Amino acid sequence: PDVHPGNCCTFKGSQGHLVIRLSMKIYPTAFTLEHIPKTLSPTGTITSAPRKFLVYGLDDEYQESGTLLGAYVYDQEGEPLQMFPVMENSQNAFQIVELRVLSNWGNEDYTCLYRFRVHGNVAK
């Protein structure tokens, strides 16, 4: 509900994934990833922020590899809320989206996800 330091979803290490079921099928157009700014961090750094990540559209929750929608890099020097357009246009609508974090900005112990949003057009 907020973006205060430590109020995040964490996973151990620098890699992990998050699978989201949306309320309805959509044609994804963009994604936003949010982390706290360095100025709010108790250490003055955001090494736990995701760095390289992939986003996939899945047909169902049991699918091991979905349709790649894009490969991205969260810029730790940029704005806390960053938008990433879909890079690989698909003619498919998805209700399930997977965020796969490949690395963070240097924290070996954990990675924090504050907010991840999926934007798109409702499938009719």
N, C-alpha and C. Protein backbone atom coordinates (compact mmCIF):
# COMPACT_ATOMS: atom_id res chain seq x y z
N PRO A 1 0.80 -1.22 0.00
CA PRO A 1 0.00 0.00 0.00
C PRO A 1 0.84 1.27 0.00
N ASP A 2 2.11 1.17 0.41
CA ASP A 2 2.97 2.35 0.41
C ASP A 2 4.38 1.93 0.00
N VAL A 3 5.25 2.91 -0.13
CA VAL A 3 6.61 2.64 -0.56
C VAL A 3 7.59 3.16 0.50
N HIS A 4 7.44 2.70 1.72
CA HIS A 4 8.36 3.05 2.79
C HIS A 4 9.48 2.02 2.84
N PRO A 5 10.68 2.42 3.24
CA PRO A 5 11.81 1.48 3.30
C PRO A 5 11.44 0.21 4.08
N GLY A 6 11.70 -0.93 3.46
CA GLY A 6 11.45 -2.21 4.09
C GLY A 6 10.06 -2.76 3.88
N ASN A 7 9.12 -1.93 3.40
CA ASN A 7 7.76 -2.39 3.17
C ASN A 7 7.65 -2.93 1.74
N CYS A 8 8.34 -4.06 1.51
CA CYS A 8 8.44 -4.61 0.17
C CYS A 8 8.31 -6.13 0.21
N CYS A 9 8.17 -6.70 -0.95
CA CYS A 9 8.19 -8.15 -1.10
C CYS A 9 9.64 -8.52 -1.38
N THR A 10 10.23 -9.37 -0.55
CA THR A 10 11.64 -9.72 -0.73
C THR A 10 11.80 -11.18 -1.10
N PHE A 11 12.89 -11.47 -1.78
CA PHE A 11 13.30 -12.85 -1.98
C PHE A 11 14.80 -12.95 -1.79
N LYS A 12 15.21 -14.13 -1.36
CA LYS A 12 16.61 -14.37 -1.02
C LYS A 12 17.49 -14.30 -2.27
N GLY A 13 18.62 -13.66 -2.15
CA GLY A 13 19.57 -13.58 -3.25
C GLY A 13 19.22 -12.50 -4.26
N SER A 14 19.85 -12.60 -5.42
CA SER A 14 19.68 -11.57 -6.45
C SER A 14 18.77 -12.00 -7.59
N GLN A 15 18.25 -13.21 -7.53
CA GLN A 15 17.35 -13.70 -8.58
C GLN A 15 16.07 -14.23 -7.96
N GLY A 16 15.00 -14.12 -8.72
CA GLY A 16 13.72 -14.64 -8.26
C GLY A 16 12.63 -14.30 -9.25
N HIS A 17 11.43 -14.74 -8.94
CA HIS A 17 10.32 -14.44 -9.84
C HIS A 17 9.04 -14.23 -9.07
N LEU A 18 8.13 -13.55 -9.72
CA LEU A 18 6.82 -13.24 -9.17
C LEU A 18 5.81 -13.50 -10.27
N VAL A 19 4.77 -14.25 -9.97
CA VAL A 19 3.71 -14.53 -10.94
C VAL A 19 2.44 -13.86 -10.45
N ILE A 20 1.80 -13.12 -11.34
CA ILE A 20 0.60 -12.36 -11.00
C ILE A 20 -0.57 -12.81 -11.88
N ARG A 21 -1.71 -13.07 -11.25
CA ARG A 21 -2.94 -13.34 -11.99
C ARG A 21 -3.76 -12.04 -11.98
N LEU A 22 -4.02 -11.53 -13.17
CA LEU A 22 -4.80 -10.30 -13.31
C LEU A 22 -6.28 -10.63 -13.20
N SER A 23 -7.10 -9.64 -12.97
CA SER A 23 -8.54 -9.85 -12.81
C SER A 23 -9.22 -10.24 -14.13
N MET A 24 -8.56 -9.94 -15.24
CA MET A 24 -9.10 -10.29 -16.56
C MET A 24 -7.96 -10.38 -17.56
N LYS A 25 -8.25 -10.97 -18.72
CA LYS A 25 -7.23 -11.06 -19.77
C LYS A 25 -7.02 -9.68 -20.39
N ILE A 26 -5.74 -9.37 -20.64
CA ILE A 26 -5.41 -8.10 -21.29
C ILE A 26 -4.35 -8.32 -22.37
N TYR A 27 -4.26 -7.34 -23.24
CA TYR A 27 -3.15 -7.26 -24.18
C TYR A 27 -2.15 -6.29 -23.53
N PRO A 28 -1.05 -6.81 -22.96
CA PRO A 28 -0.11 -5.93 -22.25
C PRO A 28 0.51 -4.89 -23.17
N THR A 29 0.66 -3.68 -22.64
CA THR A 29 1.30 -2.59 -23.40
C THR A 29 2.54 -2.06 -22.69
N ALA A 30 2.59 -2.18 -21.36
CA ALA A 30 3.73 -1.66 -20.60
C ALA A 30 3.71 -2.24 -19.19
N PHE A 31 4.84 -2.05 -18.50
CA PHE A 31 5.00 -2.48 -17.12
C PHE A 31 5.66 -1.35 -16.34
N THR A 32 5.32 -1.22 -15.07
CA THR A 32 6.05 -0.27 -14.25
C THR A 32 6.63 -1.03 -13.05
N LEU A 33 7.84 -0.62 -12.70
CA LEU A 33 8.54 -1.19 -11.56
C LEU A 33 8.92 -0.02 -10.67
N GLU A 34 8.64 -0.16 -9.38
CA GLU A 34 8.91 0.93 -8.44
C GLU A 34 9.76 0.42 -7.28
N HIS A 35 10.73 1.24 -6.89
CA HIS A 35 11.58 0.97 -5.74
C HIS A 35 11.71 2.29 -4.99
N ILE A 36 12.15 2.24 -3.74
CA ILE A 36 12.34 3.49 -3.01
C ILE A 36 13.52 4.26 -3.62
N PRO A 37 13.50 5.58 -3.53
CA PRO A 37 14.66 6.36 -4.00
C PRO A 37 15.82 6.23 -3.01
N LYS A 38 17.02 6.49 -3.48
CA LYS A 38 18.21 6.44 -2.62
C LYS A 38 18.07 7.37 -1.42
N THR A 39 17.39 8.49 -1.61
CA THR A 39 17.25 9.47 -0.53
C THR A 39 16.43 8.94 0.65
N LEU A 40 15.57 7.95 0.42
CA LEU A 40 14.78 7.36 1.50
C LEU A 40 15.43 6.13 2.11
N SER A 41 16.46 5.63 1.45
CA SER A 41 17.13 4.41 1.93
C SER A 41 17.99 4.73 3.15
N PRO A 42 17.89 3.92 4.22
CA PRO A 42 18.71 4.15 5.41
C PRO A 42 20.22 4.11 5.11
N THR A 43 20.62 3.36 4.06
CA THR A 43 22.04 3.25 3.72
C THR A 43 22.46 4.25 2.63
N GLY A 44 21.48 4.93 2.02
CA GLY A 44 21.79 5.85 0.93
C GLY A 44 22.02 5.14 -0.40
N THR A 45 21.79 3.82 -0.41
CA THR A 45 21.94 3.03 -1.65
C THR A 45 20.68 2.19 -1.85
N ILE A 46 20.51 1.71 -3.07
CA ILE A 46 19.39 0.80 -3.35
C ILE A 46 19.92 -0.45 -4.06
N THR A 47 20.89 -1.09 -3.42
CA THR A 47 21.51 -2.29 -4.00
C THR A 47 20.54 -3.46 -4.06
N SER A 48 19.45 -3.41 -3.31
CA SER A 48 18.46 -4.50 -3.34
C SER A 48 17.43 -4.33 -4.45
N ALA A 49 17.51 -3.22 -5.19
CA ALA A 49 16.57 -3.00 -6.30
C ALA A 49 16.85 -3.97 -7.44
N PRO A 50 15.80 -4.47 -8.11
CA PRO A 50 16.04 -5.29 -9.29
C PRO A 50 16.84 -4.52 -10.32
N ARG A 51 17.69 -5.21 -11.05
CA ARG A 51 18.46 -4.58 -12.12
C ARG A 51 17.96 -5.11 -13.46
N LYS A 52 18.39 -6.29 -13.86
CA LYS A 52 17.93 -6.88 -15.12
C LYS A 52 16.74 -7.78 -14.84
N PHE A 53 15.70 -7.64 -15.68
CA PHE A 53 14.52 -8.48 -15.49
C PHE A 53 13.82 -8.74 -16.82
N LEU A 54 13.07 -9.84 -16.84
CA LEU A 54 12.28 -10.25 -18.00
C LEU A 54 10.82 -10.29 -17.58
N VAL A 55 9.93 -10.08 -18.55
CA VAL A 55 8.50 -10.22 -18.28
C VAL A 55 7.92 -11.16 -19.33
N TYR A 56 7.13 -12.12 -18.85
CA TYR A 56 6.50 -13.12 -19.70
C TYR A 56 4.99 -13.09 -19.52
N GLY A 57 4.27 -13.39 -20.59
CA GLY A 57 2.84 -13.64 -20.52
C GLY A 57 2.64 -15.14 -20.48
N LEU A 58 1.79 -15.62 -19.58
CA LEU A 58 1.56 -17.05 -19.44
C LEU A 58 0.11 -17.40 -19.78
N ASP A 59 -0.08 -18.56 -20.37
CA ASP A 59 -1.43 -19.04 -20.69
C ASP A 59 -2.11 -19.64 -19.47
N ASP A 60 -1.32 -20.25 -18.57
CA ASP A 60 -1.84 -20.76 -17.31
C ASP A 60 -0.71 -20.81 -16.29
N GLU A 61 -1.07 -21.00 -15.03
CA GLU A 61 -0.07 -20.93 -13.95
C GLU A 61 0.90 -22.11 -13.94
N TYR A 62 0.62 -23.15 -14.73
CA TYR A 62 1.51 -24.32 -14.77
C TYR A 62 2.51 -24.26 -15.91
N GLN A 63 2.40 -23.26 -16.75
CA GLN A 63 3.30 -23.11 -17.89
C GLN A 63 4.69 -22.72 -17.40
N GLU A 64 5.71 -23.48 -17.82
CA GLU A 64 7.08 -23.21 -17.35
C GLU A 64 7.73 -22.03 -18.06
N SER A 65 7.52 -21.92 -19.35
CA SER A 65 8.07 -20.77 -20.08
C SER A 65 6.98 -20.19 -20.95
N GLY A 66 6.70 -18.92 -20.72
CA GLY A 66 5.63 -18.26 -21.44
C GLY A 66 6.14 -17.50 -22.65
N THR A 67 5.38 -16.52 -23.05
CA THR A 67 5.72 -15.66 -24.18
C THR A 67 6.52 -14.47 -23.65
N LEU A 68 7.75 -14.31 -24.12
CA LEU A 68 8.58 -13.18 -23.67
C LEU A 68 7.97 -11.88 -24.17
N LEU A 69 7.73 -10.96 -23.25
CA LEU A 69 7.18 -9.66 -23.60
C LEU A 69 8.23 -8.56 -23.57
N GLY A 70 9.39 -8.85 -22.95
CA GLY A 70 10.46 -7.87 -22.94
C GLY A 70 11.55 -8.18 -21.94
N ALA A 71 12.73 -7.62 -22.22
CA ALA A 71 13.90 -7.70 -21.33
C ALA A 71 14.26 -6.27 -20.98
N TYR A 72 14.46 -6.00 -19.69
CA TYR A 72 14.59 -4.62 -19.24
C TYR A 72 15.69 -4.46 -18.19
N VAL A 73 16.05 -3.20 -17.95
CA VAL A 73 16.98 -2.84 -16.88
C VAL A 73 16.38 -1.68 -16.11
N TYR A 74 16.23 -1.88 -14.79
CA TYR A 74 15.79 -0.81 -13.91
C TYR A 74 17.01 0.06 -13.62
N ASP A 75 16.90 1.37 -13.85
CA ASP A 75 18.00 2.30 -13.68
C ASP A 75 18.02 2.83 -12.25
N GLN A 76 19.01 2.43 -11.46
CA GLN A 76 19.07 2.87 -10.06
C GLN A 76 19.29 4.37 -9.93
N GLU A 77 19.76 5.02 -10.99
CA GLU A 77 19.96 6.47 -10.97
C GLU A 77 18.73 7.21 -11.49
N GLY A 78 17.73 6.48 -11.97
CA GLY A 78 16.54 7.09 -12.55
C GLY A 78 15.48 7.37 -11.49
N GLU A 79 14.28 7.66 -11.98
CA GLU A 79 13.15 7.90 -11.09
C GLU A 79 12.78 6.61 -10.36
N PRO A 80 12.20 6.70 -9.16
CA PRO A 80 11.81 5.50 -8.42
C PRO A 80 10.77 4.65 -9.17
N LEU A 81 9.85 5.31 -9.89
CA LEU A 81 8.83 4.62 -10.67
C LEU A 81 9.23 4.71 -12.14
N GLN A 82 9.51 3.54 -12.75
CA GLN A 82 9.96 3.51 -14.14
C GLN A 82 9.03 2.65 -14.98
N MET A 83 8.71 3.16 -16.18
CA MET A 83 7.81 2.45 -17.09
C MET A 83 8.60 1.83 -18.23
N PHE A 84 8.19 0.60 -18.59
CA PHE A 84 8.86 -0.17 -19.63
C PHE A 84 7.82 -0.65 -20.63
N PRO A 85 7.90 -0.20 -21.89
CA PRO A 85 6.93 -0.65 -22.89
C PRO A 85 7.17 -2.11 -23.28
N VAL A 86 6.11 -2.78 -23.69
CA VAL A 86 6.24 -4.14 -24.20
C VAL A 86 7.16 -4.09 -25.41
N MET A 87 8.18 -4.94 -25.42
CA MET A 87 9.16 -4.95 -26.51
C MET A 87 8.81 -5.99 -27.57
N GLU A 88 8.24 -7.08 -27.14
CA GLU A 88 7.89 -8.17 -28.05
C GLU A 88 6.38 -8.22 -28.16
N ASN A 89 5.84 -7.59 -29.20
CA ASN A 89 4.39 -7.56 -29.35
C ASN A 89 3.84 -8.94 -29.64
N SER A 90 2.81 -9.29 -28.92
CA SER A 90 2.16 -10.58 -29.07
C SER A 90 0.71 -10.34 -29.45
N GLN A 91 0.17 -11.21 -30.25
CA GLN A 91 -1.25 -11.12 -30.61
C GLN A 91 -2.11 -11.77 -29.54
N ASN A 92 -1.47 -12.31 -28.49
CA ASN A 92 -2.19 -13.02 -27.44
C ASN A 92 -2.51 -12.10 -26.27
N ALA A 93 -3.65 -12.37 -25.66
CA ALA A 93 -4.01 -11.71 -24.42
C ALA A 93 -3.62 -12.64 -23.28
N PHE A 94 -3.26 -12.06 -22.13
CA PHE A 94 -2.82 -12.86 -20.99
C PHE A 94 -3.53 -12.41 -19.72
N GLN A 95 -3.79 -13.38 -18.86
CA GLN A 95 -4.32 -13.08 -17.54
C GLN A 95 -3.24 -13.30 -16.48
N ILE A 96 -2.18 -14.01 -16.88
CA ILE A 96 -1.10 -14.30 -15.95
C ILE A 96 0.20 -13.72 -16.51
N VAL A 97 0.92 -12.99 -15.67
CA VAL A 97 2.17 -12.35 -16.05
C VAL A 97 3.25 -12.75 -15.05
N GLU A 98 4.44 -13.08 -15.57
CA GLU A 98 5.56 -13.43 -14.71
C GLU A 98 6.65 -12.38 -14.83
N LEU A 99 7.11 -11.89 -13.69
CA LEU A 99 8.27 -11.01 -13.60
C LEU A 99 9.43 -11.90 -13.14
N ARG A 100 10.46 -11.98 -13.95
CA ARG A 100 11.62 -12.82 -13.61
C ARG A 100 12.83 -11.91 -13.44
N VAL A 101 13.29 -11.73 -12.20
CA VAL A 101 14.44 -10.88 -11.89
C VAL A 101 15.71 -11.71 -12.07
N LEU A 102 16.61 -11.22 -12.93
CA LEU A 102 17.86 -11.91 -13.23
C LEU A 102 19.00 -11.44 -12.36
N SER A 103 18.94 -10.17 -11.89
CA SER A 103 20.00 -9.62 -11.04
C SER A 103 19.47 -8.39 -10.32
N ASN A 104 20.19 -8.01 -9.27
CA ASN A 104 19.88 -6.75 -8.59
C ASN A 104 21.12 -5.85 -8.67
N TRP A 105 21.13 -4.77 -7.91
CA TRP A 105 22.22 -3.80 -7.99
C TRP A 105 23.34 -4.07 -6.98
N GLY A 106 23.51 -5.33 -6.59
CA GLY A 106 24.69 -5.68 -5.79
C GLY A 106 24.43 -6.30 -4.44
N ASN A 107 23.21 -6.31 -3.96
CA ASN A 107 22.93 -6.92 -2.66
C ASN A 107 22.91 -8.44 -2.82
N GLU A 108 23.84 -9.12 -2.17
CA GLU A 108 23.94 -10.58 -2.31
C GLU A 108 22.92 -11.31 -1.45
N ASP A 109 22.37 -10.65 -0.44
CA ASP A 109 21.48 -11.31 0.50
C ASP A 109 20.02 -11.36 0.04
N TYR A 110 19.53 -10.26 -0.53
CA TYR A 110 18.11 -10.23 -0.90
C TYR A 110 17.84 -9.18 -1.98
N THR A 111 16.66 -9.30 -2.58
CA THR A 111 16.16 -8.35 -3.57
C THR A 111 14.77 -7.91 -3.11
N CYS A 112 14.49 -6.61 -3.23
CA CYS A 112 13.20 -6.05 -2.82
C CYS A 112 12.37 -5.65 -4.04
N LEU A 113 11.11 -6.04 -4.01
CA LEU A 113 10.13 -5.59 -5.00
C LEU A 113 9.10 -4.73 -4.26
N TYR A 114 9.05 -3.45 -4.57
CA TYR A 114 8.08 -2.58 -3.92
C TYR A 114 6.76 -2.59 -4.67
N ARG A 115 6.82 -2.30 -5.97
CA ARG A 115 5.59 -2.33 -6.78
C ARG A 115 5.93 -2.76 -8.20
N PHE A 116 5.07 -3.62 -8.74
CA PHE A 116 5.15 -4.01 -10.14
C PHE A 116 3.74 -3.93 -10.69
N ARG A 117 3.58 -3.18 -11.77
CA ARG A 117 2.25 -2.99 -12.37
C ARG A 117 2.27 -3.45 -13.81
N VAL A 118 1.12 -3.95 -14.25
CA VAL A 118 0.95 -4.36 -15.64
C VAL A 118 -0.11 -3.45 -16.25
N HIS A 119 0.21 -2.86 -17.40
CA HIS A 119 -0.71 -1.98 -18.11
C HIS A 119 -1.10 -2.64 -19.43
N GLY A 120 -2.31 -2.40 -19.86
CA GLY A 120 -2.72 -2.99 -21.14
C GLY A 120 -4.16 -2.68 -21.48
N ASN A 121 -4.59 -3.31 -22.55
CA ASN A 121 -5.95 -3.15 -23.04
C ASN A 121 -6.74 -4.43 -22.78
N VAL A 122 -7.95 -4.27 -22.28
CA VAL A 122 -8.80 -5.41 -21.94
C VAL A 122 -9.13 -6.20 -23.21
N ALA A 123 -8.99 -7.52 -23.10
CA ALA A 123 -9.36 -8.40 -24.23
C ALA A 123 -10.88 -8.54 -24.25
N LYS A 124 -11.44 -8.49 -25.43
CA LYS A 124 -12.91 -8.58 -25.54
C LYS A 124 -13.33 -9.96 -25.92
